[in-house]
Amino acid sequence: MTTPQHCPGFESFRHLKSFVCKCPKCGAEKEIFSDEFQKQHKCAACGKPIDFKQCRLEGAV
């Protein structure tokens, strides 16, 4: 038996990208993955909703 190279389910998430965007209300950074753009998100700092379609992209990992 060999040790797996990756966690179980790795293949289904292999092509995801991670992005960092600033909250348009308070400027706090929020990380989002490429499969989460259609989901609703709240800023952890101020609690306001973040619309990533209108948010200025600050960086990509």
Protein backbone atom coordinates (compact mmCIF):
# COMPACT_ATOMS: atom_id res chain seq x y z
CA MET A 1 0.00 0.00 0.00
CA THR A 2 1.31 3.45 -0.89
CA THR A 3 0.71 6.79 0.78
CA PRO A 4 -1.64 9.04 -1.24
CA GLN A 5 -0.01 12.10 -2.82
CA HIS A 6 -3.09 14.30 -2.25
CA CYS A 7 -6.14 14.52 -0.01
CA PRO A 8 -9.24 12.56 -1.09
CA GLY A 9 -11.31 14.65 -3.52
CA PHE A 10 -8.30 16.70 -4.63
CA GLU A 11 -8.98 16.14 -8.32
CA SER A 12 -12.37 17.91 -8.22
CA PHE A 13 -10.74 21.06 -6.79
CA ARG A 14 -7.47 20.93 -8.69
CA HIS A 15 -8.22 23.82 -11.07
CA LEU A 16 -9.65 26.30 -8.54
CA LYS A 17 -8.04 29.71 -8.29
CA SER A 18 -7.93 31.89 -5.19
CA PHE A 19 -8.56 35.65 -5.40
CA VAL A 20 -8.31 38.44 -2.84
CA CYS A 21 -10.74 41.34 -3.09
CA LYS A 22 -11.31 44.35 -0.84
CA CYS A 23 -14.71 45.05 0.69
CA PRO A 24 -16.14 48.13 -1.05
CA LYS A 25 -17.57 49.38 2.28
CA CYS A 26 -14.67 49.06 4.75
CA GLY A 27 -11.67 47.95 2.68
CA ALA A 28 -11.08 44.64 4.52
CA GLU A 29 -9.65 41.86 2.37
CA LYS A 30 -11.72 38.79 1.56
CA GLU A 31 -10.46 35.63 -0.13
CA ILE A 32 -12.73 33.86 -2.59
CA PHE A 33 -12.24 30.79 -4.75
CA SER A 34 -13.13 30.71 -8.43
CA ASP A 35 -16.12 28.39 -7.86
CA GLU A 36 -17.71 30.81 -5.34
CA PHE A 37 -18.36 33.89 -7.51
CA GLN A 38 -22.08 33.14 -7.79
CA LYS A 39 -22.55 32.70 -4.01
CA GLN A 40 -23.41 35.48 -1.58
CA HIS A 41 -20.59 36.66 0.68
CA LYS A 42 -20.41 38.90 3.74
CA CYS A 43 -17.41 40.88 4.90
CA ALA A 44 -16.00 39.38 8.09
CA ALA A 45 -15.03 42.85 9.35
CA CYS A 46 -18.17 44.94 8.79
CA GLY A 47 -20.81 42.30 7.99
CA LYS A 48 -21.93 44.02 4.78
CA PRO A 49 -22.61 41.95 1.65
CA ILE A 50 -19.81 41.85 -0.91
CA ASP A 51 -20.66 41.70 -4.61
CA PHE A 52 -17.55 40.23 -6.20
CA LYS A 53 -18.83 41.17 -9.66
CA GLN A 54 -18.38 44.83 -8.70
CA CYS A 55 -15.43 44.46 -6.37
CA ARG A 56 -12.00 45.61 -7.53
CA LEU A 57 -9.68 42.63 -7.76
CA GLU A 58 -6.59 43.19 -5.61
CA GLY A 59 -4.65 40.01 -6.26
CA ALA A 60 -4.72 36.40 -7.30
CA VAL A 61 -2.96 33.46 -5.73
